[in-house]
Amino acid sequence: TAEEIRNALFHDVDLARLLLMAAGDHPFNQDVLKISDLEAS
């Protein structure tokens, strides 16, 4: 799907990684959480 291609292509873009985790489609990652400095909630 376009989403699967996009997630691989832009995996180094912080916004893409944050939205992927916020949507619940990727396990929690402490490194990604640190980008936004927000709680997992």
ModelCIF file with pLDDT and N, C-alpha, C, O atoms, coordinates in Angstrom:
data_MODEL
#
_entry.id   MODEL 
#
_entity.id                         1 
_entity.type                       polymer 
_entity.pdbx_number_of_molecules   1 
#
_entity_poly.entity_id                      1 
_entity_poly.type                           'polypeptide(L)' 
_entity_poly.nstd_linkage                   no 
_entity_poly.nstd_monomer                   no 
_entity_poly.pdbx_seq_one_letter_code       TAEEIRNALFHDVDLARLLLMAAGDHPFNQDVLKISDLEAS 
_entity_poly.pdbx_seq_one_letter_code_can   TAEEIRNALFHDVDLARLLLMAAGDHPFNQDVLKISDLEAS 
_entity_poly.pdbx_strand_id                 A 
#
loop_
_entity_poly_seq.entity_id 
_entity_poly_seq.num 
_entity_poly_seq.mon_id 
_entity_poly_seq.hetero 
1 1  THR n 
1 2  ALA n 
1 3  GLU n 
1 4  GLU n 
1 5  ILE n 
1 6  ARG n 
1 7  ASN n 
1 8  ALA n 
1 9  LEU n 
1 10 PHE n 
1 11 HIS n 
1 12 ASP n 
1 13 VAL n 
1 14 ASP n 
1 15 LEU n 
1 16 ALA n 
1 17 ARG n 
1 18 LEU n 
1 19 LEU n 
1 20 LEU n 
1 21 MET n 
1 22 ALA n 
1 23 ALA n 
1 24 GLY n 
1 25 ASP n 
1 26 HIS n 
1 27 PRO n 
1 28 PHE n 
1 29 ASN n 
1 30 GLN n 
1 31 ASP n 
1 32 VAL n 
1 33 LEU n 
1 34 LYS n 
1 35 ILE n 
1 36 SER n 
1 37 ASP n 
1 38 LEU n 
1 39 GLU n 
1 40 ALA n 
1 41 SER n 
#
_struct_asym.id          A 
_struct_asym.entity_id   1 
#
loop_
_ma_qa_metric.id 
_ma_qa_metric.mode 
_ma_qa_metric.name 
_ma_qa_metric.software_group_id 
_ma_qa_metric.type 
1 global pLDDT . pLDDT 
2 local  pLDDT . pLDDT 
#
_ma_qa_metric_global.metric_id      1 
_ma_qa_metric_global.metric_value   79.76 
_ma_qa_metric_global.model_id       1 
_ma_qa_metric_global.ordinal_id     1 
#
loop_
_ma_qa_metric_local.label_asym_id 
_ma_qa_metric_local.label_comp_id 
_ma_qa_metric_local.label_seq_id 
_ma_qa_metric_local.metric_id 
_ma_qa_metric_local.metric_value 
_ma_qa_metric_local.model_id 
_ma_qa_metric_local.ordinal_id 
A THR 1  2 77.00 1 1  
A ALA 2  2 79.00 1 2  
A GLU 3  2 82.00 1 3  
A GLU 4  2 78.00 1 4  
A ILE 5  2 75.00 1 5  
A ARG 6  2 81.00 1 6  
A ASN 7  2 79.00 1 7  
A ALA 8  2 72.00 1 8  
A LEU 9  2 74.00 1 9  
A PHE 10 2 83.00 1 10 
A HIS 11 2 79.00 1 11 
A ASP 12 2 82.00 1 12 
A VAL 13 2 91.00 1 13 
A ASP 14 2 91.00 1 14 
A LEU 15 2 94.00 1 15 
A ALA 16 2 92.00 1 16 
A ARG 17 2 90.00 1 17 
A LEU 18 2 91.00 1 18 
A LEU 19 2 93.00 1 19 
A LEU 20 2 90.00 1 20 
A MET 21 2 89.00 1 21 
A ALA 22 2 90.00 1 22 
A ALA 23 2 91.00 1 23 
A GLY 24 2 87.00 1 24 
A ASP 25 2 84.00 1 25 
A HIS 26 2 78.00 1 26 
A PRO 27 2 71.00 1 27 
A PHE 28 2 67.00 1 28 
A ASN 29 2 71.00 1 29 
A GLN 30 2 72.00 1 30 
A ASP 31 2 72.00 1 31 
A VAL 32 2 73.00 1 32 
A LEU 33 2 73.00 1 33 
A LYS 34 2 77.00 1 34 
A ILE 35 2 76.00 1 35 
A SER 36 2 72.00 1 36 
A ASP 37 2 74.00 1 37 
A LEU 38 2 70.00 1 38 
A GLU 39 2 71.00 1 39 
A ALA 40 2 69.00 1 40 
A SER 41 2 70.00 1 41 
#
loop_
_atom_site.group_PDB 
_atom_site.id 
_atom_site.type_symbol 
_atom_site.label_atom_id 
_atom_site.label_alt_id 
_atom_site.label_comp_id 
_atom_site.label_asym_id 
_atom_site.label_entity_id 
_atom_site.label_seq_id 
_atom_site.pdbx_PDB_ins_code 
_atom_site.Cartn_x 
_atom_site.Cartn_y 
_atom_site.Cartn_z 
_atom_site.occupancy 
_atom_site.B_iso_or_equiv 
_atom_site.pdbx_formal_charge 
_atom_site.auth_seq_id 
_atom_site.auth_comp_id 
_atom_site.auth_asym_id 
_atom_site.auth_atom_id 
_atom_site.pdbx_PDB_model_num 
ATOM 1   N N  . THR A 1 1  ? 0.844  -1.184 0.000  1.00 77.00 ? 1  THR A N  1 
ATOM 2   C CA . THR A 1 1  ? 0.000  0.000  0.000  1.00 77.00 ? 1  THR A CA 1 
ATOM 3   C C  . THR A 1 1  ? 0.883  1.239  0.000  1.00 77.00 ? 1  THR A C  1 
ATOM 4   O O  . THR A 1 1  ? 2.080  1.172  0.280  1.00 77.00 ? 1  THR A O  1 
ATOM 5   N N  . ALA A 1 2  ? 0.262  2.374  -0.321 1.00 79.00 ? 2  ALA A N  1 
ATOM 6   C CA . ALA A 1 2  ? 1.012  3.637  -0.301 1.00 79.00 ? 2  ALA A CA 1 
ATOM 7   C C  . ALA A 1 2  ? 1.564  3.899  1.088  1.00 79.00 ? 2  ALA A C  1 
ATOM 8   O O  . ALA A 1 2  ? 2.652  4.456  1.228  1.00 79.00 ? 2  ALA A O  1 
ATOM 9   N N  . GLU A 1 3  ? 0.822  3.501  2.122  1.00 82.00 ? 3  GLU A N  1 
ATOM 10  C CA . GLU A 1 3  ? 1.265  3.723  3.501  1.00 82.00 ? 3  GLU A CA 1 
ATOM 11  C C  . GLU A 1 3  ? 2.486  2.871  3.826  1.00 82.00 ? 3  GLU A C  1 
ATOM 12  O O  . GLU A 1 3  ? 3.411  3.343  4.488  1.00 82.00 ? 3  GLU A O  1 
ATOM 13  N N  . GLU A 1 4  ? 2.500  1.616  3.366  1.00 78.00 ? 4  GLU A N  1 
ATOM 14  C CA . GLU A 1 4  ? 3.647  0.739  3.628  1.00 78.00 ? 4  GLU A CA 1 
ATOM 15  C C  . GLU A 1 4  ? 4.907  1.262  2.942  1.00 78.00 ? 4  GLU A C  1 
ATOM 16  O O  . GLU A 1 4  ? 5.994  1.238  3.520  1.00 78.00 ? 4  GLU A O  1 
ATOM 17  N N  . ILE A 1 5  ? 4.754  1.732  1.710  1.00 75.00 ? 5  ILE A N  1 
ATOM 18  C CA . ILE A 1 5  ? 5.891  2.303  0.994  1.00 75.00 ? 5  ILE A CA 1 
ATOM 19  C C  . ILE A 1 5  ? 6.368  3.567  1.706  1.00 75.00 ? 5  ILE A C  1 
ATOM 20  O O  . ILE A 1 5  ? 7.569  3.772  1.885  1.00 75.00 ? 5  ILE A O  1 
ATOM 21  N N  . ARG A 1 6  ? 5.423  4.407  2.108  1.00 81.00 ? 6  ARG A N  1 
ATOM 22  C CA . ARG A 1 6  ? 5.769  5.681  2.744  1.00 81.00 ? 6  ARG A CA 1 
ATOM 23  C C  . ARG A 1 6  ? 6.493  5.459  4.071  1.00 81.00 ? 6  ARG A C  1 
ATOM 24  O O  . ARG A 1 6  ? 7.456  6.162  4.379  1.00 81.00 ? 6  ARG A O  1 
ATOM 25  N N  . ASN A 1 7  ? 6.042  4.504  4.841  1.00 79.00 ? 7  ASN A N  1 
ATOM 26  C CA . ASN A 1 7  ? 6.667  4.259  6.147  1.00 79.00 ? 7  ASN A CA 1 
ATOM 27  C C  . ASN A 1 7  ? 8.108  3.811  5.998  1.00 79.00 ? 7  ASN A C  1 
ATOM 28  O O  . ASN A 1 7  ? 8.954  4.117  6.839  1.00 79.00 ? 7  ASN A O  1 
ATOM 29  N N  . ALA A 1 8  ? 8.383  3.086  4.925  1.00 72.00 ? 8  ALA A N  1 
ATOM 30  C CA . ALA A 1 8  ? 9.767  2.669  4.684  1.00 72.00 ? 8  ALA A CA 1 
ATOM 31  C C  . ALA A 1 8  ? 10.595 3.826  4.129  1.00 72.00 ? 8  ALA A C  1 
ATOM 32  O O  . ALA A 1 8  ? 11.747 4.016  4.520  1.00 72.00 ? 8  ALA A O  1 
ATOM 33  N N  . LEU A 1 9  ? 10.009 4.589  3.225  1.00 74.00 ? 9  LEU A N  1 
ATOM 34  C CA . LEU A 1 9  ? 10.743 5.645  2.544  1.00 74.00 ? 9  LEU A CA 1 
ATOM 35  C C  . LEU A 1 9  ? 11.088 6.808  3.468  1.00 74.00 ? 9  LEU A C  1 
ATOM 36  O O  . LEU A 1 9  ? 12.180 7.368  3.381  1.00 74.00 ? 9  LEU A O  1 
ATOM 37  N N  . PHE A 1 10 ? 10.162 7.172  4.351  1.00 83.00 ? 10 PHE A N  1 
ATOM 38  C CA . PHE A 1 10 ? 10.357 8.357  5.190  1.00 83.00 ? 10 PHE A CA 1 
ATOM 39  C C  . PHE A 1 10 ? 10.549 7.999  6.661  1.00 83.00 ? 10 PHE A C  1 
ATOM 40  O O  . PHE A 1 10 ? 10.167 8.764  7.546  1.00 83.00 ? 10 PHE A O  1 
ATOM 41  N N  . HIS A 1 11 ? 11.141 6.831  6.919  1.00 79.00 ? 11 HIS A N  1 
ATOM 42  C CA . HIS A 1 11 ? 11.307 6.398  8.299  1.00 79.00 ? 11 HIS A CA 1 
ATOM 43  C C  . HIS A 1 11 ? 12.254 7.302  9.086  1.00 79.00 ? 11 HIS A C  1 
ATOM 44  O O  . HIS A 1 11 ? 12.276 7.256  10.316 1.00 79.00 ? 11 HIS A O  1 
ATOM 45  N N  . ASP A 1 12 ? 13.042 8.132  8.378  1.00 82.00 ? 12 ASP A N  1 
ATOM 46  C CA . ASP A 1 12 ? 13.964 9.028  9.064  1.00 82.00 ? 12 ASP A CA 1 
ATOM 47  C C  . ASP A 1 12 ? 13.341 10.393 9.343  1.00 82.00 ? 12 ASP A C  1 
ATOM 48  O O  . ASP A 1 12 ? 13.993 11.247 9.944  1.00 82.00 ? 12 ASP A O  1 
ATOM 49  N N  . VAL A 1 13 ? 12.099 10.620 8.924  1.00 91.00 ? 13 VAL A N  1 
ATOM 50  C CA . VAL A 1 13 ? 11.406 11.889 9.181  1.00 91.00 ? 13 VAL A CA 1 
ATOM 51  C C  . VAL A 1 13 ? 10.686 11.768 10.523 1.00 91.00 ? 13 VAL A C  1 
ATOM 52  O O  . VAL A 1 13 ? 9.821  10.909 10.694 1.00 91.00 ? 13 VAL A O  1 
ATOM 53  N N  . ASP A 1 14 ? 11.044 12.624 11.464 1.00 91.00 ? 14 ASP A N  1 
ATOM 54  C CA . ASP A 1 14 ? 10.487 12.518 12.820 1.00 91.00 ? 14 ASP A CA 1 
ATOM 55  C C  . ASP A 1 14 ? 8.963  12.595 12.829 1.00 91.00 ? 14 ASP A C  1 
ATOM 56  O O  . ASP A 1 14 ? 8.313  11.860 13.573 1.00 91.00 ? 14 ASP A O  1 
ATOM 57  N N  . LEU A 1 15 ? 8.387  13.473 12.013 1.00 94.00 ? 15 LEU A N  1 
ATOM 58  C CA . LEU A 1 15 ? 6.935  13.588 11.969 1.00 94.00 ? 15 LEU A CA 1 
ATOM 59  C C  . LEU A 1 15 ? 6.299  12.269 11.546 1.00 94.00 ? 15 LEU A C  1 
ATOM 60  O O  . LEU A 1 15 ? 5.302  11.848 12.133 1.00 94.00 ? 15 LEU A O  1 
ATOM 61  N N  . ALA A 1 16 ? 6.864  11.613 10.537 1.00 92.00 ? 16 ALA A N  1 
ATOM 62  C CA . ALA A 1 16 ? 6.321  10.334 10.066 1.00 92.00 ? 16 ALA A CA 1 
ATOM 63  C C  . ALA A 1 16 ? 6.382  9.290  11.169 1.00 92.00 ? 16 ALA A C  1 
ATOM 64  O O  . ALA A 1 16 ? 5.436  8.524  11.348 1.00 92.00 ? 16 ALA A O  1 
ATOM 65  N N  . ARG A 1 17 ? 7.477  9.250  11.906 1.00 90.00 ? 17 ARG A N  1 
ATOM 66  C CA . ARG A 1 17 ? 7.635  8.269  12.982 1.00 90.00 ? 17 ARG A CA 1 
ATOM 67  C C  . ARG A 1 17 ? 6.661  8.544  14.119 1.00 90.00 ? 17 ARG A C  1 
ATOM 68  O O  . ARG A 1 17 ? 6.106  7.612  14.703 1.00 90.00 ? 17 ARG A O  1 
ATOM 69  N N  . LEU A 1 18 ? 6.450  9.824  14.438 1.00 91.00 ? 18 LEU A N  1 
ATOM 70  C CA . LEU A 1 18 ? 5.532  10.188 15.517 1.00 91.00 ? 18 LEU A CA 1 
ATOM 71  C C  . LEU A 1 18 ? 4.091  9.850  15.161 1.00 91.00 ? 18 LEU A C  1 
ATOM 72  O O  . LEU A 1 18 ? 3.350  9.335  15.999 1.00 91.00 ? 18 LEU A O  1 
ATOM 73  N N  . LEU A 1 19 ? 3.690  10.134 13.929 1.00 93.00 ? 19 LEU A N  1 
ATOM 74  C CA . LEU A 1 19 ? 2.316  9.848  13.514 1.00 93.00 ? 19 LEU A CA 1 
ATOM 75  C C  . LEU A 1 19 ? 2.078  8.342  13.460 1.00 93.00 ? 19 LEU A C  1 
ATOM 76  O O  . LEU A 1 19 ? 0.991  7.872  13.797 1.00 93.00 ? 19 LEU A O  1 
ATOM 77  N N  . LEU A 1 20 ? 3.081  7.590  13.040 1.00 90.00 ? 20 LEU A N  1 
ATOM 78  C CA . LEU A 1 20 ? 2.968  6.137  12.996 1.00 90.00 ? 20 LEU A CA 1 
ATOM 79  C C  . LEU A 1 20 ? 2.734  5.571  14.393 1.00 90.00 ? 20 LEU A C  1 
ATOM 80  O O  . LEU A 1 20 ? 1.919  4.666  14.570 1.00 90.00 ? 20 LEU A O  1 
ATOM 81  N N  . MET A 1 21 ? 3.442  6.099  15.378 1.00 89.00 ? 21 MET A N  1 
ATOM 82  C CA . MET A 1 21 ? 3.293  5.616  16.740 1.00 89.00 ? 21 MET A CA 1 
ATOM 83  C C  . MET A 1 21 ? 2.000  6.138  17.368 1.00 89.00 ? 21 MET A C  1 
ATOM 84  O O  . MET A 1 21 ? 1.330  5.422  18.112 1.00 89.00 ? 21 MET A O  1 
ATOM 85  N N  . ALA A 1 22 ? 1.656  7.392  17.062 1.00 90.00 ? 22 ALA A N  1 
ATOM 86  C CA . ALA A 1 22 ? 0.416  7.963  17.602 1.00 90.00 ? 22 ALA A CA 1 
ATOM 87  C C  . ALA A 1 22 ? -0.805 7.205  17.099 1.00 90.00 ? 22 ALA A C  1 
ATOM 88  O O  . ALA A 1 22 ? -1.793 7.056  17.819 1.00 90.00 ? 22 ALA A O  1 
ATOM 89  N N  . ALA A 1 23 ? -0.733 6.725  15.856 1.00 91.00 ? 23 ALA A N  1 
ATOM 90  C CA . ALA A 1 23 ? -1.856 5.971  15.287 1.00 91.00 ? 23 ALA A CA 1 
ATOM 91  C C  . ALA A 1 23 ? -1.982 4.584  15.894 1.00 91.00 ? 23 ALA A C  1 
ATOM 92  O O  . ALA A 1 23 ? -3.009 3.924  15.738 1.00 91.00 ? 23 ALA A O  1 
ATOM 93  N N  . GLY A 1 24 ? -0.933 4.137  16.591 1.00 87.00 ? 24 GLY A N  1 
ATOM 94  C CA . GLY A 1 24 ? -0.960 2.804  17.181 1.00 87.00 ? 24 GLY A CA 1 
ATOM 95  C C  . GLY A 1 24 ? -0.479 1.723  16.246 1.00 87.00 ? 24 GLY A C  1 
ATOM 96  O O  . GLY A 1 24 ? -0.647 0.536  16.525 1.00 87.00 ? 24 GLY A O  1 
ATOM 97  N N  . ASP A 1 25 ? 0.125  2.125  15.126 1.00 84.00 ? 25 ASP A N  1 
ATOM 98  C CA . ASP A 1 25 ? 0.591  1.143  14.141 1.00 84.00 ? 25 ASP A CA 1 
ATOM 99  C C  . ASP A 1 25 ? 2.062  0.787  14.303 1.00 84.00 ? 25 ASP A C  1 
ATOM 100 O O  . ASP A 1 25 ? 2.630  0.085  13.467 1.00 84.00 ? 25 ASP A O  1 
ATOM 101 N N  . HIS A 1 26 ? 2.673  1.268  15.369 1.00 78.00 ? 26 HIS A N  1 
ATOM 102 C CA . HIS A 1 26 ? 4.066  0.905  15.670 1.00 78.00 ? 26 HIS A CA 1 
ATOM 103 C C  . HIS A 1 26 ? 4.223  0.872  17.180 1.00 78.00 ? 26 HIS A C  1 
ATOM 104 O O  . HIS A 1 26 ? 3.675  1.734  17.868 1.00 78.00 ? 26 HIS A O  1 
ATOM 105 N N  . PRO A 1 27 ? 4.959  -0.104 17.719 1.00 71.00 ? 27 PRO A N  1 
ATOM 106 C CA . PRO A 1 27 ? 5.138  -0.196 19.172 1.00 71.00 ? 27 PRO A CA 1 
ATOM 107 C C  . PRO A 1 27 ? 5.800  1.064  19.725 1.00 71.00 ? 27 PRO A C  1 
ATOM 108 O O  . PRO A 1 27 ? 6.518  1.766  19.014 1.00 71.00 ? 27 PRO A O  1 
ATOM 109 N N  . PHE A 1 28 ? 5.543  1.338  21.010 1.00 67.00 ? 28 PHE A N  1 
ATOM 110 C CA . PHE A 1 28 ? 6.148  2.501  21.648 1.00 67.00 ? 28 PHE A CA 1 
ATOM 111 C C  . PHE A 1 28 ? 7.664  2.405  21.599 1.00 67.00 ? 28 PHE A C  1 
ATOM 112 O O  . PHE A 1 28 ? 8.242  1.346  21.842 1.00 67.00 ? 28 PHE A O  1 
ATOM 113 N N  . ASN A 1 29 ? 8.282  3.501  21.290 1.00 71.00 ? 29 ASN A N  1 
ATOM 114 C CA . ASN A 1 29 ? 9.729  3.575  21.154 1.00 71.00 ? 29 ASN A CA 1 
ATOM 115 C C  . ASN A 1 29 ? 10.205 4.791  21.945 1.00 71.00 ? 29 ASN A C  1 
ATOM 116 O O  . ASN A 1 29 ? 9.814  5.920  21.650 1.00 71.00 ? 29 ASN A O  1 
ATOM 117 N N  . GLN A 1 30 ? 11.037 4.560  22.933 1.00 72.00 ? 30 GLN A N  1 
ATOM 118 C CA . GLN A 1 30 ? 11.478 5.645  23.796 1.00 72.00 ? 30 GLN A CA 1 
ATOM 119 C C  . GLN A 1 30 ? 12.206 6.735  23.008 1.00 72.00 ? 30 GLN A C  1 
ATOM 120 O O  . GLN A 1 30 ? 12.079 7.919  23.322 1.00 72.00 ? 30 GLN A O  1 
ATOM 121 N N  . ASP A 1 31 ? 12.959 6.344  21.998 1.00 72.00 ? 31 ASP A N  1 
ATOM 122 C CA . ASP A 1 31 ? 13.671 7.327  21.188 1.00 72.00 ? 31 ASP A CA 1 
ATOM 123 C C  . ASP A 1 31 ? 12.702 8.257  20.480 1.00 72.00 ? 31 ASP A C  1 
ATOM 124 O O  . ASP A 1 31 ? 12.944 9.459  20.369 1.00 72.00 ? 31 ASP A O  1 
ATOM 125 N N  . VAL A 1 32 ? 11.588 7.682  19.996 1.00 73.00 ? 32 VAL A N  1 
ATOM 126 C CA . VAL A 1 32 ? 10.588 8.505  19.314 1.00 73.00 ? 32 VAL A CA 1 
ATOM 127 C C  . VAL A 1 32 ? 9.860  9.389  20.313 1.00 73.00 ? 32 VAL A C  1 
ATOM 128 O O  . VAL A 1 32 ? 9.558  10.545 20.017 1.00 73.00 ? 32 VAL A O  1 
ATOM 129 N N  . LEU A 1 33 ? 9.576  8.849  21.503 1.00 73.00 ? 33 LEU A N  1 
ATOM 130 C CA . LEU A 1 33 ? 8.920  9.650  22.535 1.00 73.00 ? 33 LEU A CA 1 
ATOM 131 C C  . LEU A 1 33 ? 9.763  10.866 22.901 1.00 73.00 ? 33 LEU A C  1 
ATOM 132 O O  . LEU A 1 33 ? 9.226  11.942 23.162 1.00 73.00 ? 33 LEU A O  1 
ATOM 133 N N  . LYS A 1 34 ? 11.068 10.696 22.920 1.00 77.00 ? 34 LYS A N  1 
ATOM 134 C CA . LYS A 1 34 ? 11.960 11.792 23.286 1.00 77.00 ? 34 LYS A CA 1 
ATOM 135 C C  . LYS A 1 34 ? 11.905 12.934 22.280 1.00 77.00 ? 34 LYS A C  1 
ATOM 136 O O  . LYS A 1 34 ? 12.168 14.087 22.623 1.00 77.00 ? 34 LYS A O  1 
ATOM 137 N N  . ILE A 1 35 ? 11.561 12.606 21.031 1.00 76.00 ? 35 ILE A N  1 
ATOM 138 C CA . ILE A 1 35 ? 11.487 13.648 20.003 1.00 76.00 ? 35 ILE A CA 1 
ATOM 139 C C  . ILE A 1 35 ? 10.476 14.713 20.396 1.00 76.00 ? 35 ILE A C  1 
ATOM 140 O O  . ILE A 1 35 ? 10.732 15.909 20.258 1.00 76.00 ? 35 ILE A O  1 
ATOM 141 N N  . SER A 1 36 ? 9.324  14.266 20.889 1.00 72.00 ? 36 SER A N  1 
ATOM 142 C CA . SER A 1 36 ? 8.241  15.188 21.213 1.00 72.00 ? 36 SER A CA 1 
ATOM 143 C C  . SER A 1 36 ? 8.233  15.592 22.682 1.00 72.00 ? 36 SER A C  1 
ATOM 144 O O  . SER A 1 36 ? 7.607  16.586 23.053 1.00 72.00 ? 36 SER A O  1 
ATOM 145 N N  . ASP A 1 37 ? 8.935  14.812 23.527 1.00 74.00 ? 37 ASP A N  1 
ATOM 146 C CA . ASP A 1 37 ? 8.962  15.074 24.960 1.00 74.00 ? 37 ASP A CA 1 
ATOM 147 C C  . ASP A 1 37 ? 7.551  15.066 25.548 1.00 74.00 ? 37 ASP A C  1 
ATOM 148 O O  . ASP A 1 37 ? 7.231  15.864 26.430 1.00 74.00 ? 37 ASP A O  1 
ATOM 149 N N  . LEU A 1 38 ? 6.710  14.154 25.048 1.00 70.00 ? 38 LEU A N  1 
ATOM 150 C CA . LEU A 1 38 ? 5.346  14.014 25.547 1.00 70.00 ? 38 LEU A CA 1 
ATOM 151 C C  . LEU A 1 38 ? 5.173  12.660 26.213 1.00 70.00 ? 38 LEU A C  1 
ATOM 152 O O  . LEU A 1 38 ? 5.928  11.723 25.954 1.00 70.00 ? 38 LEU A O  1 
ATOM 153 N N  . GLU A 1 39 ? 4.169  12.571 27.071 1.00 71.00 ? 39 GLU A N  1 
ATOM 154 C CA . GLU A 1 39 ? 3.876  11.313 27.738 1.00 71.00 ? 39 GLU A CA 1 
ATOM 155 C C  . GLU A 1 39 ? 3.254  10.337 26.743 1.00 71.00 ? 39 GLU A C  1 
ATOM 156 O O  . GLU A 1 39 ? 2.645  10.737 25.751 1.00 71.00 ? 39 GLU A O  1 
ATOM 157 N N  . ALA A 1 40 ? 3.421  9.057  27.032 1.00 69.00 ? 40 ALA A N  1 
ATOM 158 C CA . ALA A 1 40 ? 2.864  8.022  26.152 1.00 69.00 ? 40 ALA A CA 1 
ATOM 159 C C  . ALA A 1 40 ? 1.348  8.103  26.083 1.00 69.00 ? 40 ALA A C  1 
ATOM 160 O O  . ALA A 1 40 ? 0.744  7.615  25.128 1.00 69.00 ? 40 ALA A O  1 
ATOM 161 N N  . SER A 1 41 ? 0.716  8.724  27.102 1.00 70.00 ? 41 SER A N  1 
ATOM 162 C CA . SER A 1 41 ? -0.752 8.817  27.120 1.00 70.00 ? 41 SER A CA 1 
ATOM 163 C C  . SER A 1 41 ? -1.289 9.569  25.912 1.00 70.00 ? 41 SER A C  1 
ATOM 164 O O  . SER A 1 41 ? -2.501 9.735  25.776 1.00 70.00 ? 41 SER A O  1 
#
